[in-house]
Amino acid sequence: MTNAAEDNLGTYTFTARGIENPDKVVTFTLDDEQLRLNFTGVLEKLGKIGTAEEKGSEARLQMKTQLTPATIKLMQNLSGPVHLSDVSANLNGGDGEHLNLTVWQRLGGLRLVPVKVSMGRVDNVEAAEAFVDELEERKREIEPASRFGGPLDYWFGWLGVGMLAGLLIRWWRRS
């Protein structure tokens, strides 16, 4: 039997800032077996777009009013806790300064769609490397989020199984 305190991995926070665009800031928080994303400043920028004094065409206004709630909802879903087994991160580019994350959104316990977060070149490569190393270390220590493995952890895998079953039933009826 393991002690609950031993299972607690603790909190690890890393804030990435883009070199080309210093306003592009994302805070990544590893909290035990979960990742939380905080898109610093994004919601404020969306609020400024929606309340701008400039009056554009009606189509532009409609697009802004429809885009803002959808984007906020996406940010809330993405920033919510995501199990670490659904996250992959890497540093690539010519000198390893480009931080990229892929976060899988789940529906009904299965992976549905990957969301890619690309920071571009980050200002603190050593801290980004430490974050990626910590993420990978935690992923090795935890149980996967899904009870299925391989292609059956994805909706498209079950869709393929269903199509194959349908083809086999159709072939069996013709025989």
C-alpha atoms as a PDB file:
ATOM      1  CA  MET A   1       0.000   0.000   0.000  1.00  0.00           C
ATOM      2  CA  THR A   2       1.390   3.391  -0.940  1.00  0.00           C
ATOM      3  CA  ASN A   3       1.195   6.553   1.057  1.00  0.00           C
ATOM      4  CA  ALA A   4      -0.954   9.302  -0.508  1.00  0.00           C
ATOM      5  CA  ALA A   5       1.814  11.836   0.167  1.00  0.00           C
ATOM      6  CA  GLU A   6       4.228   9.707  -1.898  1.00  0.00           C
ATOM      7  CA  ASP A   7       1.818   9.735  -4.862  1.00  0.00           C
ATOM      8  CA  ASN A   8       1.599  13.539  -4.830  1.00  0.00           C
ATOM      9  CA  LEU A   9       3.943  14.874  -7.520  1.00  0.00           C
ATOM     10  CA  GLY A  10       3.504  18.515  -6.524  1.00  0.00           C
ATOM     11  CA  THR A  11       3.225  21.646  -8.599  1.00  0.00           C
ATOM     12  CA  TYR A  12       5.653  22.817 -11.267  1.00  0.00           C
ATOM     13  CA  THR A  13       5.080  26.084 -13.128  1.00  0.00           C
ATOM     14  CA  PHE A  14       6.808  27.369 -16.248  1.00  0.00           C
ATOM     15  CA  THR A  15       6.011  30.640 -18.016  1.00  0.00           C
ATOM     16  CA  ALA A  16       7.046  30.834 -21.667  1.00  0.00           C
ATOM     17  CA  ARG A  17       7.431  34.156 -23.472  1.00  0.00           C
ATOM     18  CA  GLY A  18       7.911  34.444 -27.214  1.00  0.00           C
ATOM     19  CA  ILE A  19      11.054  36.199 -28.458  1.00  0.00           C
ATOM     20  CA  GLU A  20       9.453  37.618 -31.610  1.00  0.00           C
ATOM     21  CA  ASN A  21       6.296  38.659 -29.777  1.00  0.00           C
ATOM     22  CA  PRO A  22       6.936  39.337 -26.056  1.00  0.00           C
ATOM     23  CA  ASP A  23       3.167  39.750 -25.497  1.00  0.00           C
ATOM     24  CA  LYS A  24       2.745  36.051 -26.329  1.00  0.00           C
ATOM     25  CA  VAL A  25       2.938  34.506 -22.865  1.00  0.00           C
ATOM     26  CA  VAL A  26       1.678  31.102 -21.752  1.00  0.00           C
ATOM     27  CA  THR A  27       1.975  29.720 -18.233  1.00  0.00           C
ATOM     28  CA  PHE A  28       2.127  25.937 -17.969  1.00  0.00           C
ATOM     29  CA  THR A  29       1.345  24.429 -14.571  1.00  0.00           C
ATOM     30  CA  LEU A  30       1.964  20.766 -13.851  1.00  0.00           C
ATOM     31  CA  ASP A  31      -0.213  19.854 -10.888  1.00  0.00           C
ATOM     32  CA  ASP A  32       0.340  16.222  -9.916  1.00  0.00           C
ATOM     33  CA  GLU A  33      -0.963  14.288 -12.963  1.00  0.00           C
ATOM     34  CA  GLN A  34      -2.545  17.253 -14.769  1.00  0.00           C
ATOM     35  CA  LEU A  35      -1.520  20.212 -16.892  1.00  0.00           C
ATOM     36  CA  ARG A  36      -3.177  23.612 -16.767  1.00  0.00           C
ATOM     37  CA  LEU A  37      -2.558  26.295 -19.382  1.00  0.00           C
ATOM     38  CA  ASN A  38      -2.968  30.001 -18.751  1.00  0.00           C
ATOM     39  CA  PHE A  39      -2.962  32.077 -21.910  1.00  0.00           C
ATOM     40  CA  THR A  40      -1.886  35.282 -20.205  1.00  0.00           C
ATOM     41  CA  GLY A  41      -3.380  38.343 -21.818  1.00  0.00           C
ATOM     42  CA  VAL A  42      -5.428  36.501 -24.458  1.00  0.00           C
ATOM     43  CA  LEU A  43      -8.799  37.062 -22.802  1.00  0.00           C
ATOM     44  CA  GLU A  44      -7.971  40.731 -22.195  1.00  0.00           C
ATOM     45  CA  LYS A  45      -7.093  41.166 -25.881  1.00  0.00           C
ATOM     46  CA  LEU A  46     -10.376  39.508 -26.878  1.00  0.00           C
ATOM     47  CA  GLY A  47     -12.245  41.865 -24.567  1.00  0.00           C
ATOM     48  CA  LYS A  48     -10.577  44.860 -26.199  1.00  0.00           C
ATOM     49  CA  ILE A  49     -11.587  43.609 -29.653  1.00  0.00           C
ATOM     50  CA  GLY A  50     -15.207  43.214 -28.569  1.00  0.00           C
ATOM     51  CA  THR A  51     -15.390  46.674 -26.959  1.00  0.00           C
ATOM     52  CA  ALA A  52     -13.373  48.647 -29.505  1.00  0.00           C
ATOM     53  CA  GLU A  53     -14.634  52.171 -30.262  1.00  0.00           C
ATOM     54  CA  GLU A  54     -13.964  51.721 -33.966  1.00  0.00           C
ATOM     55  CA  LYS A  55     -17.140  50.903 -35.865  1.00  0.00           C
ATOM     56  CA  GLY A  56     -16.574  48.462 -38.722  1.00  0.00           C
ATOM     57  CA  SER A  57     -18.931  46.946 -41.224  1.00  0.00           C
ATOM     58  CA  GLU A  58     -21.856  44.862 -39.998  1.00  0.00           C
ATOM     59  CA  ALA A  59     -20.196  41.629 -41.152  1.00  0.00           C
ATOM     60  CA  ARG A  60     -17.033  42.470 -39.231  1.00  0.00           C
ATOM     61  CA  LEU A  61     -19.051  43.225 -36.103  1.00  0.00           C
ATOM     62  CA  GLN A  62     -20.991  39.974 -36.398  1.00  0.00           C
ATOM     63  CA  MET A  63     -17.765  38.031 -36.812  1.00  0.00           C
ATOM     64  CA  LYS A  64     -16.273  39.635 -33.712  1.00  0.00           C
ATOM     65  CA  THR A  65     -19.356  38.939 -31.600  1.00  0.00           C
ATOM     66  CA  GLN A  66     -19.474  35.305 -32.704  1.00  0.00           C
ATOM     67  CA  LEU A  67     -15.732  34.685 -32.558  1.00  0.00           C
ATOM     68  CA  THR A  68     -15.131  36.040 -29.062  1.00  0.00           C
ATOM     69  CA  PRO A  69     -17.450  33.633 -27.145  1.00  0.00           C
ATOM     70  CA  ALA A  70     -16.255  30.668 -29.204  1.00  0.00           C
ATOM     71  CA  THR A  71     -12.616  31.534 -28.568  1.00  0.00           C
ATOM     72  CA  ILE A  72     -13.240  32.053 -24.856  1.00  0.00           C
ATOM     73  CA  LYS A  73     -14.984  28.663 -24.656  1.00  0.00           C
ATOM     74  CA  LEU A  74     -12.063  27.002 -26.464  1.00  0.00           C
ATOM     75  CA  MET A  75      -9.571  28.670 -24.115  1.00  0.00           C
ATOM     76  CA  GLN A  76     -11.571  27.522 -21.068  1.00  0.00           C
ATOM     77  CA  ASN A  77     -11.691  23.940 -22.347  1.00  0.00           C
ATOM     78  CA  LEU A  78      -8.001  23.938 -23.215  1.00  0.00           C
ATOM     79  CA  SER A  79      -6.865  25.684 -20.046  1.00  0.00           C
ATOM     80  CA  GLY A  80      -8.783  23.283 -17.829  1.00  0.00           C
ATOM     81  CA  PRO A  81      -6.915  20.378 -16.351  1.00  0.00           C
ATOM     82  CA  VAL A  82      -5.641  17.924 -18.951  1.00  0.00           C
ATOM     83  CA  HIS A  83      -4.219  14.562 -17.939  1.00  0.00           C
ATOM     84  CA  LEU A  84      -0.474  14.431 -18.602  1.00  0.00           C
ATOM     85  CA  SER A  85      -0.823  11.310 -20.747  1.00  0.00           C
ATOM     86  CA  ASP A  86      -2.744  13.502 -23.217  1.00  0.00           C
ATOM     87  CA  VAL A  87       0.099  16.029 -23.526  1.00  0.00           C
ATOM     88  CA  SER A  88       3.284  15.925 -25.548  1.00  0.00           C
ATOM     89  CA  ALA A  89       5.878  18.692 -25.640  1.00  0.00           C
ATOM     90  CA  ASN A  90       9.082  19.248 -27.530  1.00  0.00           C
ATOM     91  CA  LEU A  91      11.697  21.822 -28.344  1.00  0.00           C
ATOM     92  CA  ASN A  92      12.715  21.958 -31.963  1.00  0.00           C
ATOM     93  CA  GLY A  93      13.953  24.350 -34.582  1.00  0.00           C
ATOM     94  CA  GLY A  94      17.486  25.113 -35.643  1.00  0.00           C
ATOM     95  CA  ASP A  95      18.755  25.694 -32.132  1.00  0.00           C
ATOM     96  CA  GLY A  96      15.987  24.002 -30.110  1.00  0.00           C
ATOM     97  CA  GLU A  97      14.284  27.256 -29.146  1.00  0.00           C
ATOM     98  CA  HIS A  98      10.808  26.517 -30.526  1.00  0.00           C
ATOM     99  CA  LEU A  99       8.434  25.159 -27.861  1.00  0.00           C
ATOM    100  CA  ASN A 100       5.497  23.111 -29.153  1.00  0.00           C
ATOM    101  CA  LEU A 101       2.780  21.283 -27.231  1.00  0.00           C
ATOM    102  CA  THR A 102       0.055  18.936 -28.410  1.00  0.00           C
ATOM    103  CA  VAL A 103      -2.895  18.566 -26.045  1.00  0.00           C
ATOM    104  CA  TRP A 104      -5.553  15.960 -26.828  1.00  0.00           C
ATOM    105  CA  GLN A 105      -9.131  16.897 -25.990  1.00  0.00           C
ATOM    106  CA  ARG A 106     -11.232  13.907 -24.925  1.00  0.00           C
ATOM    107  CA  LEU A 107     -14.895  13.175 -25.514  1.00  0.00           C
ATOM    108  CA  GLY A 108     -16.482  10.255 -23.725  1.00  0.00           C
ATOM    109  CA  GLY A 109     -13.085   9.105 -22.474  1.00  0.00           C
ATOM    110  CA  LEU A 110     -11.567   8.833 -25.960  1.00  0.00           C
ATOM    111  CA  ARG A 111      -9.189  11.197 -27.717  1.00  0.00           C
ATOM    112  CA  LEU A 112     -11.109  13.313 -30.191  1.00  0.00           C
ATOM    113  CA  VAL A 113      -8.991  16.199 -31.446  1.00  0.00           C
ATOM    114  CA  PRO A 114      -5.435  17.408 -30.904  1.00  0.00           C
ATOM    115  CA  VAL A 115      -4.904  21.069 -30.071  1.00  0.00           C
ATOM    116  CA  LYS A 116      -1.462  22.384 -30.936  1.00  0.00           C
ATOM    117  CA  VAL A 117       0.097  25.196 -28.924  1.00  0.00           C
ATOM    118  CA  SER A 118       3.156  26.646 -30.604  1.00  0.00           C
ATOM    119  CA  MET A 119       5.133  29.282 -28.762  1.00  0.00           C
ATOM    120  CA  GLY A 120       7.724  29.792 -31.459  1.00  0.00           C
ATOM    121  CA  ARG A 121      11.117  30.823 -30.132  1.00  0.00           C
ATOM    122  CA  VAL A 122      11.064  31.161 -26.345  1.00  0.00           C
ATOM    123  CA  ASP A 123      13.202  33.560 -24.329  1.00  0.00           C
ATOM    124  CA  ASN A 124      14.467  31.013 -21.777  1.00  0.00           C
ATOM    125  CA  VAL A 125      15.521  27.804 -23.510  1.00  0.00           C
ATOM    126  CA  GLU A 126      17.008  26.236 -20.369  1.00  0.00           C
ATOM    127  CA  ALA A 127      13.748  26.648 -18.459  1.00  0.00           C
ATOM    128  CA  ALA A 128      11.794  25.262 -21.445  1.00  0.00           C
ATOM    129  CA  GLU A 129      14.082  22.210 -21.529  1.00  0.00           C
ATOM    130  CA  ALA A 130      13.578  21.714 -17.797  1.00  0.00           C
ATOM    131  CA  PHE A 131       9.784  21.930 -18.273  1.00  0.00           C
ATOM    132  CA  VAL A 132       9.793  19.349 -21.089  1.00  0.00           C
ATOM    133  CA  ASP A 133      12.030  17.052 -19.007  1.00  0.00           C
ATOM    134  CA  GLU A 134       9.748  17.399 -15.954  1.00  0.00           C
ATOM    135  CA  LEU A 135       6.660  16.682 -18.089  1.00  0.00           C
ATOM    136  CA  GLU A 136       8.243  13.538 -19.555  1.00  0.00           C
ATOM    137  CA  GLU A 137       9.426  12.355 -16.129  1.00  0.00           C
ATOM    138  CA  ARG A 138       5.933  12.737 -14.666  1.00  0.00           C
ATOM    139  CA  LYS A 139       4.393  10.935 -17.644  1.00  0.00           C
ATOM    140  CA  ARG A 140       6.654   7.937 -16.915  1.00  0.00           C
ATOM    141  CA  GLU A 141       5.487   7.861 -13.271  1.00  0.00           C
ATOM    142  CA  ILE A 142       1.702   8.007 -13.797  1.00  0.00           C
ATOM    143  CA  GLU A 143      -1.005   5.702 -15.074  1.00  0.00           C
ATOM    144  CA  PRO A 144      -2.475   6.482 -18.523  1.00  0.00           C
ATOM    145  CA  ALA A 145      -5.800   8.344 -18.648  1.00  0.00           C
ATOM    146  CA  SER A 146      -7.424   5.721 -20.865  1.00  0.00           C
ATOM    147  CA  ARG A 147      -8.162   2.070 -20.296  1.00  0.00           C
ATOM    148  CA  PHE A 148      -7.575   1.417 -24.015  1.00  0.00           C
ATOM    149  CA  GLY A 149      -4.253   1.528 -25.757  1.00  0.00           C
ATOM    150  CA  GLY A 150      -3.079   2.298 -29.243  1.00  0.00           C
ATOM    151  CA  PRO A 151      -5.693   3.091 -31.898  1.00  0.00           C
ATOM    152  CA  LEU A 152      -8.605   2.211 -29.597  1.00  0.00           C
ATOM    153  CA  ASP A 153      -7.792   5.279 -27.470  1.00  0.00           C
ATOM    154  CA  TYR A 154      -9.001   7.463 -30.376  1.00  0.00           C
ATOM    155  CA  TRP A 155     -12.468   8.022 -31.789  1.00  0.00           C
ATOM    156  CA  PHE A 156     -11.195   7.397 -35.317  1.00  0.00           C
ATOM    157  CA  GLY A 157      -9.949   3.965 -34.145  1.00  0.00           C
ATOM    158  CA  TRP A 158     -13.436   2.968 -33.001  1.00  0.00           C
ATOM    159  CA  LEU A 159     -14.887   4.415 -36.209  1.00  0.00           C
ATOM    160  CA  GLY A 160     -12.521   2.138 -38.147  1.00  0.00           C
ATOM    161  CA  VAL A 161     -13.534  -0.872 -36.055  1.00  0.00           C
ATOM    162  CA  GLY A 162     -17.215  -0.063 -36.697  1.00  0.00           C
ATOM    163  CA  MET A 163     -16.661   0.275 -40.439  1.00  0.00           C
ATOM    164  CA  LEU A 164     -14.716  -3.007 -40.529  1.00  0.00           C
ATOM    165  CA  ALA A 165     -17.489  -4.753 -38.564  1.00  0.00           C
ATOM    166  CA  GLY A 166     -20.076  -3.356 -40.984  1.00  0.00           C
ATOM    167  CA  LEU A 167     -18.101  -4.604 -43.990  1.00  0.00           C
ATOM    168  CA  LEU A 168     -17.685  -8.061 -42.425  1.00  0.00           C
ATOM    169  CA  ILE A 169     -21.420  -8.300 -41.663  1.00  0.00           C
ATOM    170  CA  ARG A 170     -22.242  -7.210 -45.199  1.00  0.00           C
ATOM    171  CA  TRP A 171     -19.810  -9.757 -46.647  1.00  0.00           C
ATOM    172  CA  TRP A 172     -21.193 -12.503 -44.350  1.00  0.00           C
ATOM    173  CA  ARG A 173     -24.806 -11.779 -45.469  1.00  0.00           C
ATOM    174  CA  ARG A 174     -23.820 -12.022 -49.151  1.00  0.00           C
ATOM    175  CA  SER A 175     -22.063 -15.360 -48.672  1.00  0.00           C
END
